[in-house]
Amino acid sequence: MNQYETVFILTPVLSDDQMKETVEKFKGILTSEGAEIINEENWGLKKLAYPIENKTTGFYQLIEFQAKPETIAKLEVNYRRDERVIRYLTIRMEKYAIEYAVKRRSLKSNKEV
């Protein structure tokens, strides 16, 4: 299994409950396909670099997970079908990116303590 990182932007007109429901939907797709979710971060409402569908802000969400390559195709099809997702990007992490992500998570957890 490879390690992946996916970031998606949700439309800013969603309520908090709708946003959480959408994130849970995509996490459910991953776990139903046998993926192991390693990390999840809600980056909140941020300004977009350029307007997308006449929107200038969006809710950013990051999910880091381990999965088989076939899972990515199913996840991205669901991103495209969901009208609440305005952009997404999924990458396979190479070993240096994985090391960096582990270091970043440990620094973040130390700051929270």
PDB file of N, CA and C in Angstrom:
ATOM      1  N   MET A   1       0.836  -1.184   0.000  1.00  0.00           N
ATOM      2  CA  MET A   1       0.000   0.000   0.000  1.00  0.00           C
ATOM      3  C   MET A   1       0.879   1.244   0.000  1.00  0.00           C
ATOM      4  N   ASN A   2       0.430   2.236  -0.751  1.00  0.00           N
ATOM      5  CA  ASN A   2       1.144   3.513  -0.832  1.00  0.00           C
ATOM      6  C   ASN A   2       0.539   4.508   0.136  1.00  0.00           C
ATOM      7  N   GLN A   3       1.320   5.529   0.451  1.00  0.00           N
ATOM      8  CA  GLN A   3       0.797   6.601   1.306  1.00  0.00           C
ATOM      9  C   GLN A   3       0.432   7.786   0.421  1.00  0.00           C
ATOM     10  N   TYR A   4      -0.746   8.333   0.658  1.00  0.00           N
ATOM     11  CA  TYR A   4      -1.281   9.431  -0.137  1.00  0.00           C
ATOM     12  C   TYR A   4      -1.675  10.590   0.756  1.00  0.00           C
ATOM     13  N   GLU A   5      -1.800  11.738   0.113  1.00  0.00           N
ATOM     14  CA  GLU A   5      -2.285  12.939   0.778  1.00  0.00           C
ATOM     15  C   GLU A   5      -3.279  13.575  -0.179  1.00  0.00           C
ATOM     16  N   THR A   6      -4.453  13.885   0.313  1.00  0.00           N
ATOM     17  CA  THR A   6      -5.440  14.543  -0.523  1.00  0.00           C
ATOM     18  C   THR A   6      -5.899  15.828   0.167  1.00  0.00           C
ATOM     19  N   VAL A   7      -5.986  16.881  -0.623  1.00  0.00           N
ATOM     20  CA  VAL A   7      -6.501  18.161  -0.151  1.00  0.00           C
ATOM     21  C   VAL A   7      -7.683  18.503  -1.040  1.00  0.00           C
ATOM     22  N   PHE A   8      -8.800  18.862  -0.414  1.00  0.00           N
ATOM     23  CA  PHE A   8      -9.945  19.288  -1.213  1.00  0.00           C
ATOM     24  C   PHE A   8     -10.534  20.553  -0.623  1.00  0.00           C
ATOM     25  N   ILE A   9     -11.154  21.332  -1.497  1.00  0.00           N
ATOM     26  CA  ILE A   9     -11.746  22.605  -1.108  1.00  0.00           C
ATOM     27  C   ILE A   9     -13.257  22.487  -1.279  1.00  0.00           C
ATOM     28  N   LEU A  10     -13.957  22.780  -0.203  1.00  0.00           N
ATOM     29  CA  LEU A  10     -15.417  22.734  -0.220  1.00  0.00           C
ATOM     30  C   LEU A  10     -15.971  24.142  -0.390  1.00  0.00           C
ATOM     31  N   THR A  11     -17.124  24.231  -0.997  1.00  0.00           N
ATOM     32  CA  THR A  11     -17.765  25.517  -1.233  1.00  0.00           C
ATOM     33  C   THR A  11     -18.032  26.242   0.098  1.00  0.00           C
ATOM     34  N   PRO A  12     -17.861  27.563   0.150  1.00  0.00           N
ATOM     35  CA  PRO A  12     -17.988  28.296   1.414  1.00  0.00           C
ATOM     36  C   PRO A  12     -19.426  28.491   1.904  1.00  0.00           C
ATOM     37  N   VAL A  13     -20.409  28.114   1.110  1.00  0.00           N
ATOM     38  CA  VAL A  13     -21.801  28.329   1.513  1.00  0.00           C
ATOM     39  C   VAL A  13     -22.324  27.224   2.429  1.00  0.00           C
ATOM     40  N   LEU A  14     -21.501  26.236   2.740  1.00  0.00           N
ATOM     41  CA  LEU A  14     -21.925  25.127   3.593  1.00  0.00           C
ATOM     42  C   LEU A  14     -21.939  25.538   5.061  1.00  0.00           C
ATOM     43  N   SER A  15     -22.855  24.952   5.806  1.00  0.00           N
ATOM     44  CA  SER A  15     -22.845  25.148   7.259  1.00  0.00           C
ATOM     45  C   SER A  15     -21.773  24.234   7.846  1.00  0.00           C
ATOM     46  N   ASP A  16     -21.482  24.404   9.120  1.00  0.00           N
ATOM     47  CA  ASP A  16     -20.485  23.564   9.785  1.00  0.00           C
ATOM     48  C   ASP A  16     -20.879  22.091   9.719  1.00  0.00           C
ATOM     49  N   ASP A  17     -22.158  21.807   9.953  1.00  0.00           N
ATOM     50  CA  ASP A  17     -22.624  20.421   9.925  1.00  0.00           C
ATOM     51  C   ASP A  17     -22.499  19.816   8.530  1.00  0.00           C
ATOM     52  N   GLN A  18     -22.848  20.584   7.506  1.00  0.00           N
ATOM     53  CA  GLN A  18     -22.737  20.093   6.133  1.00  0.00           C
ATOM     54  C   GLN A  18     -21.290  19.826   5.760  1.00  0.00           C
ATOM     55  N   MET A  19     -20.382  20.701   6.221  1.00  0.00           N
ATOM     56  CA  MET A  19     -18.971  20.520   5.921  1.00  0.00           C
ATOM     57  C   MET A  19     -18.461  19.237   6.579  1.00  0.00           C
ATOM     58  N   LYS A  20     -18.794  19.042   7.856  1.00  0.00           N
ATOM     59  CA  LYS A  20     -18.351  17.838   8.572  1.00  0.00           C
ATOM     60  C   LYS A  20     -18.940  16.582   7.949  1.00  0.00           C
ATOM     61  N   GLU A  21     -20.192  16.662   7.504  1.00  0.00           N
ATOM     62  CA  GLU A  21     -20.853  15.526   6.863  1.00  0.00           C
ATOM     63  C   GLU A  21     -20.139  15.156   5.554  1.00  0.00           C
ATOM     64  N   THR A  22     -19.731  16.154   4.796  1.00  0.00           N
ATOM     65  CA  THR A  22     -19.026  15.914   3.535  1.00  0.00           C
ATOM     66  C   THR A  22     -17.670  15.272   3.784  1.00  0.00           C
ATOM     67  N   VAL A  23     -16.944  15.769   4.779  1.00  0.00           N
ATOM     68  CA  VAL A  23     -15.637  15.199   5.116  1.00  0.00           C
ATOM     69  C   VAL A  23     -15.806  13.748   5.558  1.00  0.00           C
ATOM     70  N   GLU A  24     -16.826  13.480   6.374  1.00  0.00           N
ATOM     71  CA  GLU A  24     -17.081  12.109   6.829  1.00  0.00           C
ATOM     72  C   GLU A  24     -17.439  11.192   5.654  1.00  0.00           C
ATOM     73  N   LYS A  25     -18.130  11.733   4.673  1.00  0.00           N
ATOM     74  CA  LYS A  25     -18.480  10.948   3.487  1.00  0.00           C
ATOM     75  C   LYS A  25     -17.213  10.464   2.782  1.00  0.00           C
ATOM     76  N   PHE A  26     -16.251  11.374   2.588  1.00  0.00           N
ATOM     77  CA  PHE A  26     -15.015  10.992   1.889  1.00  0.00           C
ATOM     78  C   PHE A  26     -14.145  10.080   2.742  1.00  0.00           C
ATOM     79  N   LYS A  27     -14.135  10.286   4.052  1.00  0.00           N
ATOM     80  CA  LYS A  27     -13.409   9.377   4.934  1.00  0.00           C
ATOM     81  C   LYS A  27     -14.038   7.983   4.891  1.00  0.00           C
ATOM     82  N   GLY A  28     -15.368   7.944   4.823  1.00  0.00           N
ATOM     83  CA  GLY A  28     -16.084   6.676   4.731  1.00  0.00           C
ATOM     84  C   GLY A  28     -15.761   5.929   3.450  1.00  0.00           C
ATOM     85  N   ILE A  29     -15.626   6.658   2.354  1.00  0.00           N
ATOM     86  CA  ILE A  29     -15.249   6.034   1.084  1.00  0.00           C
ATOM     87  C   ILE A  29     -13.879   5.399   1.215  1.00  0.00           C
ATOM     88  N   LEU A  30     -12.950   6.120   1.831  1.00  0.00           N
ATOM     89  CA  LEU A  30     -11.592   5.593   2.008  1.00  0.00           C
ATOM     90  C   LEU A  30     -11.584   4.340   2.880  1.00  0.00           C
ATOM     91  N   THR A  31     -12.249   4.409   4.023  1.00  0.00           N
ATOM     92  CA  THR A  31     -12.220   3.256   4.933  1.00  0.00           C
ATOM     93  C   THR A  31     -12.964   2.060   4.342  1.00  0.00           C
ATOM     94  N   SER A  32     -14.015   2.294   3.575  1.00  0.00           N
ATOM     95  CA  SER A  32     -14.737   1.180   2.952  1.00  0.00           C
ATOM     96  C   SER A  32     -13.879   0.480   1.895  1.00  0.00           C
ATOM     97  N   GLU A  33     -12.916   1.195   1.353  1.00  0.00           N
ATOM     98  CA  GLU A  33     -12.001   0.610   0.367  1.00  0.00           C
ATOM     99  C   GLU A  33     -10.761   0.003   1.025  1.00  0.00           C
ATOM    100  N   GLY A  34     -10.727   0.004   2.345  1.00  0.00           N
ATOM    101  CA  GLY A  34      -9.613  -0.614   3.061  1.00  0.00           C
ATOM    102  C   GLY A  34      -8.447   0.323   3.342  1.00  0.00           C
ATOM    103  N   ALA A  35      -8.645   1.611   3.181  1.00  0.00           N
ATOM    104  CA  ALA A  35      -7.581   2.582   3.444  1.00  0.00           C
ATOM    105  C   ALA A  35      -7.468   2.832   4.945  1.00  0.00           C
ATOM    106  N   GLU A  36      -6.255   3.164   5.374  1.00  0.00           N
ATOM    107  CA  GLU A  36      -6.016   3.513   6.774  1.00  0.00           C
ATOM    108  C   GLU A  36      -5.730   5.005   6.843  1.00  0.00           C
ATOM    109  N   ILE A  37      -6.590   5.744   7.541  1.00  0.00           N
ATOM    110  CA  ILE A  37      -6.413   7.194   7.657  1.00  0.00           C
ATOM    111  C   ILE A  37      -5.370   7.466   8.729  1.00  0.00           C
ATOM    112  N   ILE A  38      -4.326   8.185   8.341  1.00  0.00           N
ATOM    113  CA  ILE A  38      -3.210   8.472   9.238  1.00  0.00           C
ATOM    114  C   ILE A  38      -3.388   9.820   9.921  1.00  0.00           C
ATOM    115  N   ASN A  39      -3.795  10.814   9.164  1.00  0.00           N
ATOM    116  CA  ASN A  39      -3.903  12.165   9.697  1.00  0.00           C
ATOM    117  C   ASN A  39      -5.015  12.894   8.964  1.00  0.00           C
ATOM    118  N   GLU A  40      -5.652  13.790   9.697  1.00  0.00           N
ATOM    119  CA  GLU A  40      -6.709  14.614   9.106  1.00  0.00           C
ATOM    120  C   GLU A  40      -6.572  16.012   9.686  1.00  0.00           C
ATOM    121  N   GLU A  41      -6.620  17.007   8.823  1.00  0.00           N
ATOM    122  CA  GLU A  41      -6.510  18.390   9.276  1.00  0.00           C
ATOM    123  C   GLU A  41      -7.580  19.232   8.601  1.00  0.00           C
ATOM    124  N   ASN A  42      -8.244  20.040   9.413  1.00  0.00           N
ATOM    125  CA  ASN A  42      -9.201  21.003   8.886  1.00  0.00           C
ATOM    126  C   ASN A  42      -8.499  22.353   8.890  1.00  0.00           C
ATOM    127  N   TRP A  43      -8.219  22.880   7.718  1.00  0.00           N
ATOM    128  CA  TRP A  43      -7.511  24.157   7.618  1.00  0.00           C
ATOM    129  C   TRP A  43      -8.461  25.339   7.687  1.00  0.00           C
ATOM    130  N   GLY A  44      -9.742  25.079   7.665  1.00  0.00           N
ATOM    131  CA  GLY A  44     -10.728  26.135   7.822  1.00  0.00           C
ATOM    132  C   GLY A  44     -11.016  26.909   6.546  1.00  0.00           C
ATOM    133  N   LEU A  45     -11.690  28.031   6.723  1.00  0.00           N
ATOM    134  CA  LEU A  45     -12.089  28.886   5.609  1.00  0.00           C
ATOM    135  C   LEU A  45     -10.914  29.770   5.212  1.00  0.00           C
ATOM    136  N   LYS A  46     -10.479  29.656   3.973  1.00  0.00           N
ATOM    137  CA  LYS A  46      -9.341  30.435   3.484  1.00  0.00           C
ATOM    138  C   LYS A  46      -9.708  31.115   2.167  1.00  0.00           C
ATOM    139  N   LYS A  47      -8.995  32.188   1.885  1.00  0.00           N
ATOM    140  CA  LYS A  47      -9.172  32.914   0.631  1.00  0.00           C
ATOM    141  C   LYS A  47      -8.501  32.132  -0.493  1.00  0.00           C
ATOM    142  N   LEU A  48      -9.178  32.012  -1.615  1.00  0.00           N
ATOM    143  CA  LEU A  48      -8.626  31.322  -2.779  1.00  0.00           C
ATOM    144  C   LEU A  48      -7.679  32.250  -3.532  1.00  0.00           C
ATOM    145  N   ALA A  49      -6.710  31.685  -4.227  1.00  0.00           N
ATOM    146  CA  ALA A  49      -5.760  32.487  -5.003  1.00  0.00           C
ATOM    147  C   ALA A  49      -6.462  33.191  -6.160  1.00  0.00           C
ATOM    148  N   TYR A  50      -7.501  32.574  -6.687  1.00  0.00           N
ATOM    149  CA  TYR A  50      -8.285  33.156  -7.776  1.00  0.00           C
ATOM    150  C   TYR A  50      -9.721  32.647  -7.633  1.00  0.00           C
ATOM    151  N   PRO A  51     -10.693  33.393  -8.130  1.00  0.00           N
ATOM    152  CA  PRO A  51     -12.093  32.961  -7.991  1.00  0.00           C
ATOM    153  C   PRO A  51     -12.364  31.653  -8.742  1.00  0.00           C
ATOM    154  N   ILE A  52     -13.092  30.764  -8.098  1.00  0.00           N
ATOM    155  CA  ILE A  52     -13.530  29.508  -8.706  1.00  0.00           C
ATOM    156  C   ILE A  52     -15.041  29.475  -8.589  1.00  0.00           C
ATOM    157  N   GLU A  53     -15.731  29.358  -9.718  1.00  0.00           N
ATOM    158  CA  GLU A  53     -17.197  29.354  -9.752  1.00  0.00           C
ATOM    159  C   GLU A  53     -17.759  30.568  -8.996  1.00  0.00           C
ATOM    160  N   ASN A  54     -17.155  31.735  -9.208  1.00  0.00           N
ATOM    161  CA  ASN A  54     -17.535  33.009  -8.591  1.00  0.00           C
ATOM    162  C   ASN A  54     -17.412  33.009  -7.067  1.00  0.00           C
ATOM    163  N   LYS A  55     -16.597  32.107  -6.518  1.00  0.00           N
ATOM    164  CA  LYS A  55     -16.365  32.059  -5.075  1.00  0.00           C
ATOM    165  C   LYS A  55     -14.919  32.461  -4.804  1.00  0.00           C
ATOM    166  N   THR A  56     -14.713  33.259  -3.759  1.00  0.00           N
ATOM    167  CA  THR A  56     -13.357  33.723  -3.447  1.00  0.00           C
ATOM    168  C   THR A  56     -12.793  33.066  -2.194  1.00  0.00           C
ATOM    169  N   THR A  57     -13.600  32.253  -1.489  1.00  0.00           N
ATOM    170  CA  THR A  57     -13.130  31.527  -0.312  1.00  0.00           C
ATOM    171  C   THR A  57     -13.596  30.086  -0.393  1.00  0.00           C
ATOM    172  N   GLY A  58     -13.018  29.236   0.461  1.00  0.00           N
ATOM    173  CA  GLY A  58     -13.421  27.839   0.508  1.00  0.00           C
ATOM    174  C   GLY A  58     -12.906  27.175   1.771  1.00  0.00           C
ATOM    175  N   PHE A  59     -13.554  26.091   2.169  1.00  0.00           N
ATOM    176  CA  PHE A  59     -13.122  25.301   3.318  1.00  0.00           C
ATOM    177  C   PHE A  59     -12.088  24.281   2.843  1.00  0.00           C
ATOM    178  N   TYR A  60     -10.881  24.361   3.386  1.00  0.00           N
ATOM    179  CA  TYR A  60      -9.805  23.451   3.012  1.00  0.00           C
ATOM    180  C   TYR A  60      -9.751  22.280   3.988  1.00  0.00           C
ATOM    181  N   GLN A  61      -9.530  21.087   3.446  1.00  0.00           N
ATOM    182  CA  GLN A  61      -9.439  19.878   4.270  1.00  0.00           C
ATOM    183  C   GLN A  61      -8.309  18.999   3.734  1.00  0.00           C
ATOM    184  N   LEU A  62      -7.477  18.466   4.632  1.00  0.00           N
ATOM    185  CA  LEU A  62      -6.390  17.566   4.251  1.00  0.00           C
ATOM    186  C   LEU A  62      -6.622  16.220   4.915  1.00  0.00           C
ATOM    187  N   ILE A  63      -6.429  15.149   4.148  1.00  0.00           N
ATOM    188  CA  ILE A  63      -6.496  13.796   4.697  1.00  0.00           C
ATOM    189  C   ILE A  63      -5.260  13.048   4.200  1.00  0.00           C
ATOM    190  N   GLU A  64      -4.535  12.455   5.132  1.00  0.00           N
ATOM    191  CA  GLU A  64      -3.344  11.656   4.821  1.00  0.00           C
ATOM    192  C   GLU A  64      -3.719  10.202   5.101  1.00  0.00           C
ATOM    193  N   PHE A  65      -3.445   9.308   4.158  1.00  0.00           N
ATOM    194  CA  PHE A  65      -3.899   7.928   4.314  1.00  0.00           C
ATOM    195  C   PHE A  65      -3.019   6.963   3.539  1.00  0.00           C
ATOM    196  N   GLN A  66      -3.139   5.675   3.897  1.00  0.00           N
ATOM    197  CA  GLN A  66      -2.485   4.596   3.169  1.00  0.00           C
ATOM    198  C   GLN A  66      -3.574   3.797   2.463  1.00  0.00           C
ATOM    199  N   ALA A  67      -3.346   3.538   1.170  1.00  0.00           N
ATOM    200  CA  ALA A  67      -4.366   2.819   0.406  1.00  0.00           C
ATOM    201  C   ALA A  67      -3.741   2.177  -0.818  1.00  0.00           C
ATOM    202  N   LYS A  68      -4.542   1.330  -1.435  1.00  0.00           N
ATOM    203  CA  LYS A  68      -4.141   0.735  -2.716  1.00  0.00           C
ATOM    204  C   LYS A  68      -4.396   1.756  -3.821  1.00  0.00           C
ATOM    205  N   PRO A  69      -3.644   1.693  -4.922  1.00  0.00           N
ATOM    206  CA  PRO A  69      -3.814   2.672  -6.006  1.00  0.00           C
ATOM    207  C   PRO A  69      -5.224   2.726  -6.596  1.00  0.00           C
ATOM    208  N   GLU A  70      -5.943   1.607  -6.586  1.00  0.00           N
ATOM    209  CA  GLU A  70      -7.297   1.586  -7.146  1.00  0.00           C
ATOM    210  C   GLU A  70      -8.259   2.476  -6.348  1.00  0.00           C
ATOM    211  N   THR A  71      -7.965   2.676  -5.085  1.00  0.00           N
ATOM    212  CA  THR A  71      -8.822   3.483  -4.218  1.00  0.00           C
ATOM    213  C   THR A  71      -8.869   4.934  -4.678  1.00  0.00           C
ATOM    214  N   ILE A  72      -7.765   5.419  -5.211  1.00  0.00           N
ATOM    215  CA  ILE A  72      -7.665   6.828  -5.615  1.00  0.00           C
ATOM    216  C   ILE A  72      -8.669   7.131  -6.719  1.00  0.00           C
ATOM    217  N   ALA A  73      -8.788   6.244  -7.680  1.00  0.00           N
ATOM    218  CA  ALA A  73      -9.730   6.459  -8.782  1.00  0.00           C
ATOM    219  C   ALA A  73     -11.159   6.590  -8.259  1.00  0.00           C
ATOM    220  N   LYS A  74     -11.534   5.716  -7.323  1.00  0.00           N
ATOM    221  CA  LYS A  74     -12.888   5.769  -6.768  1.00  0.00           C
ATOM    222  C   LYS A  74     -13.102   7.060  -5.973  1.00  0.00           C
ATOM    223  N   LEU A  75     -12.087   7.472  -5.204  1.00  0.00           N
ATOM    224  CA  LEU A  75     -12.180   8.702  -4.420  1.00  0.00           C
ATOM    225  C   LEU A  75     -12.361   9.910  -5.331  1.00  0.00           C
ATOM    226  N   GLU A  76     -11.566   9.984  -6.393  1.00  0.00           N
ATOM    227  CA  GLU A  76     -11.627  11.148  -7.278  1.00  0.00           C
ATOM    228  C   GLU A  76     -12.916  11.193  -8.088  1.00  0.00           C
ATOM    229  N   VAL A  77     -13.478  10.048  -8.415  1.00  0.00           N
ATOM    230  CA  VAL A  77     -14.784  10.034  -9.085  1.00  0.00           C
ATOM    231  C   VAL A  77     -15.830  10.649  -8.160  1.00  0.00           C
ATOM    232  N   ASN A  78     -15.752  10.315  -6.881  1.00  0.00           N
ATOM    233  CA  ASN A  78     -16.702  10.886  -5.918  1.00  0.00           C
ATOM    234  C   ASN A  78     -16.471  12.373  -5.709  1.00  0.00           C
ATOM    235  N   TYR A  79     -15.221  12.830  -5.768  1.00  0.00           N
ATOM    236  CA  TYR A  79     -14.949  14.272  -5.711  1.00  0.00           C
ATOM    237  C   TYR A  79     -15.639  14.980  -6.883  1.00  0.00           C
ATOM    238  N   ARG A  80     -15.495  14.406  -8.080  1.00  0.00           N
ATOM    239  CA  ARG A  80     -16.072  15.041  -9.267  1.00  0.00           C
ATOM    240  C   ARG A  80     -17.606  15.049  -9.230  1.00  0.00           C
ATOM    241  N   ARG A  81     -18.200  14.029  -8.642  1.00  0.00           N
ATOM    242  CA  ARG A  81     -19.667  13.936  -8.586  1.00  0.00           C
ATOM    243  C   ARG A  81     -20.282  14.846  -7.531  1.00  0.00           C
ATOM    244  N   ASP A  82     -19.509  15.198  -6.523  1.00  0.00           N
ATOM    245  CA  ASP A  82     -20.052  15.991  -5.408  1.00  0.00           C
ATOM    246  C   ASP A  82     -19.962  17.475  -5.739  1.00  0.00           C
ATOM    247  N   GLU A  83     -21.104  18.143  -5.795  1.00  0.00           N
ATOM    248  CA  GLU A  83     -21.127  19.561  -6.164  1.00  0.00           C
ATOM    249  C   GLU A  83     -20.563  20.463  -5.073  1.00  0.00           C
ATOM    250  N   ARG A  84     -20.396  19.935  -3.862  1.00  0.00           N
ATOM    251  CA  ARG A  84     -19.841  20.737  -2.771  1.00  0.00           C
ATOM    252  C   ARG A  84     -18.320  20.892  -2.875  1.00  0.00           C
ATOM    253  N   VAL A  85     -17.660  20.021  -3.660  1.00  0.00           N
ATOM    254  CA  VAL A  85     -16.205  20.084  -3.831  1.00  0.00           C
ATOM    255  C   VAL A  85     -15.899  20.962  -5.035  1.00  0.00           C
ATOM    256  N   ILE A  86     -15.107  22.029  -4.818  1.00  0.00           N
ATOM    257  CA  ILE A  86     -14.790  22.904  -5.942  1.00  0.00           C
ATOM    258  C   ILE A  86     -13.400  22.624  -6.511  1.00  0.00           C
ATOM    259  N   ARG A  87     -12.488  22.064  -5.711  1.00  0.00           N
ATOM    260  CA  ARG A  87     -11.166  21.639  -6.198  1.00  0.00           C
ATOM    261  C   ARG A  87     -10.645  20.527  -5.309  1.00  0.00           C
ATOM    262  N   TYR A  88      -9.790  19.664  -5.879  1.00  0.00           N
ATOM    263  CA  TYR A  88      -9.148  18.614  -5.100  1.00  0.00           C
ATOM    264  C   TYR A  88      -7.805  18.269  -5.730  1.00  0.00           C
ATOM    265  N   LEU A  89      -6.931  17.706  -4.924  1.00  0.00           N
ATOM    266  CA  LEU A  89      -5.635  17.233  -5.404  1.00  0.00           C
ATOM    267  C   LEU A  89      -5.210  16.075  -4.521  1.00  0.00           C
ATOM    268  N   THR A  90      -4.851  14.949  -5.145  1.00  0.00           N
ATOM    269  CA  THR A  90      -4.369  13.779  -4.423  1.00  0.00           C
ATOM    270  C   THR A  90      -2.997  13.434  -4.955  1.00  0.00           C
ATOM    271  N   ILE A  91      -2.042  13.261  -4.044  1.00  0.00           N
ATOM    272  CA  ILE A  91      -0.682  12.895  -4.461  1.00  0.00           C
ATOM    273  C   ILE A  91      -0.217  11.657  -3.698  1.00  0.00           C
ATOM    274  N   ARG A  92       0.655  10.882  -4.342  1.00  0.00           N
ATOM    275  CA  ARG A  92       1.320   9.768  -3.662  1.00  0.00           C
ATOM    276  C   ARG A  92       2.564  10.338  -3.027  1.00  0.00           C
ATOM    277  N   MET A  93       2.734  10.086  -1.758  1.00  0.00           N
ATOM    278  CA  MET A  93       3.861  10.653  -1.034  1.00  0.00           C
ATOM    279  C   MET A  93       5.079   9.741  -1.171  1.00  0.00           C
ATOM    280  N   GLU A  94       6.214  10.336  -1.492  1.00  0.00           N
ATOM    281  CA  GLU A  94       7.458   9.580  -1.525  1.00  0.00           C
ATOM    282  C   GLU A  94       8.094   9.637  -0.140  1.00  0.00           C
ATOM    283  N   LYS A  95       9.186   8.918   0.075  1.00  0.00           N
ATOM    284  CA  LYS A  95       9.697   8.726   1.436  1.00  0.00           C
ATOM    285  C   LYS A  95      10.067  10.029   2.137  1.00  0.00           C
ATOM    286  N   TYR A  96      10.593  11.011   1.411  1.00  0.00           N
ATOM    287  CA  TYR A  96      10.973  12.270   2.046  1.00  0.00           C
ATOM    288  C   TYR A  96       9.743  13.071   2.464  1.00  0.00           C
ATOM    289  N   ALA A  97       8.701  13.003   1.674  1.00  0.00           N
ATOM    290  CA  ALA A  97       7.451  13.685   2.021  1.00  0.00           C
ATOM    291  C   ALA A  97       6.816  13.040   3.248  1.00  0.00           C
ATOM    292  N   ILE A  98       6.928  11.722   3.354  1.00  0.00           N
ATOM    293  CA  ILE A  98       6.383  11.010   4.517  1.00  0.00           C
ATOM    294  C   ILE A  98       7.149  11.414   5.773  1.00  0.00           C
ATOM    295  N   GLU A  99       8.484  11.467   5.662  1.00  0.00           N
ATOM    296  CA  GLU A  99       9.310  11.891   6.809  1.00  0.00           C
ATOM    297  C   GLU A  99       8.947  13.310   7.237  1.00  0.00           C
ATOM    298  N   TYR A 100       8.769  14.192   6.269  1.00  0.00           N
ATOM    299  CA  TYR A 100       8.410  15.579   6.571  1.00  0.00           C
ATOM    300  C   TYR A 100       7.047  15.648   7.255  1.00  0.00           C
ATOM    301  N   ALA A 101       6.086  14.863   6.764  1.00  0.00           N
ATOM    302  CA  ALA A 101       4.740  14.875   7.337  1.00  0.00           C
ATOM    303  C   ALA A 101       4.763  14.388   8.783  1.00  0.00           C
ATOM    304  N   VAL A 102       5.563  13.367   9.060  1.00  0.00           N
ATOM    305  CA  VAL A 102       5.681  12.855  10.430  1.00  0.00           C
ATOM    306  C   VAL A 102       6.276  13.929  11.333  1.00  0.00           C
ATOM    307  N   LYS A 103       7.313  14.601  10.847  1.00  0.00           N
ATOM    308  CA  LYS A 103       7.960  15.661  11.617  1.00  0.00           C
ATOM    309  C   LYS A 103       6.988  16.821  11.873  1.00  0.00           C
ATOM    310  N   ARG A 104       6.226  17.190  10.845  1.00  0.00           N
ATOM    311  CA  ARG A 104       5.267  18.290  10.962  1.00  0.00           C
ATOM    312  C   ARG A 104       4.174  17.951  11.978  1.00  0.00           C
ATOM    313  N   ARG A 105       3.696  16.701  11.950  1.00  0.00           N
ATOM    314  CA  ARG A 105       2.669  16.267  12.911  1.00  0.00           C
ATOM    315  C   ARG A 105       3.208  16.283  14.337  1.00  0.00           C
ATOM    316  N   SER A 106       4.459  15.849  14.527  1.00  0.00           N
ATOM    317  CA  SER A 106       5.021  15.819  15.885  1.00  0.00           C
ATOM    318  C   SER A 106       5.235  17.242  16.402  1.00  0.00           C
ATOM    319  N   LEU A 107       5.653  18.158  15.535  1.00  0.00           N
ATOM    320  CA  LEU A 107       5.809  19.552  15.962  1.00  0.00           C
ATOM    321  C   LEU A 107       4.467  20.162  16.331  1.00  0.00           C
ATOM    322  N   LYS A 108       3.435  19.836  15.542  1.00  0.00           N
ATOM    323  CA  LYS A 108       2.092  20.344  15.800  1.00  0.00           C
ATOM    324  C   LYS A 108       1.566  19.819  17.119  1.00  0.00           C
ATOM    325  N   SER A 109       1.783  18.527  17.401  1.00  0.00           N
ATOM    326  CA  SER A 109       1.287  17.954  18.653  1.00  0.00           C
ATOM    327  C   SER A 109       2.046  18.507  19.855  1.00  0.00           C
ATOM    328  N   ASN A 110       3.327  18.830  19.688  1.00  0.00           N
ATOM    329  CA  ASN A 110       4.098  19.432  20.781  1.00  0.00           C
ATOM    330  C   ASN A 110       3.601  20.833  21.099  1.00  0.00           C
ATOM    331  N   LYS A 111       3.193  21.587  20.082  1.00  0.00           N
ATOM    332  CA  LYS A 111       2.667  22.946  20.293  1.00  0.00           C
ATOM    333  C   LYS A 111       1.330  22.905  21.025  1.00  0.00           C
ATOM    334  N   GLU A 112       0.520  21.886  20.764  1.00  0.00           N
ATOM    335  CA  GLU A 112      -0.790  21.779  21.376  1.00  0.00           C
ATOM    336  C   GLU A 112      -0.709  21.419  22.845  1.00  0.00           C
ATOM    337  N   VAL A 113       0.367  20.793  23.268  1.00  0.00           N
ATOM    338  CA  VAL A 113       0.510  20.347  24.669  1.00  0.00           C
ATOM    339  C   VAL A 113       0.891  21.471  25.568  1.00  0.00           C
TER     340      VAL A 113
END
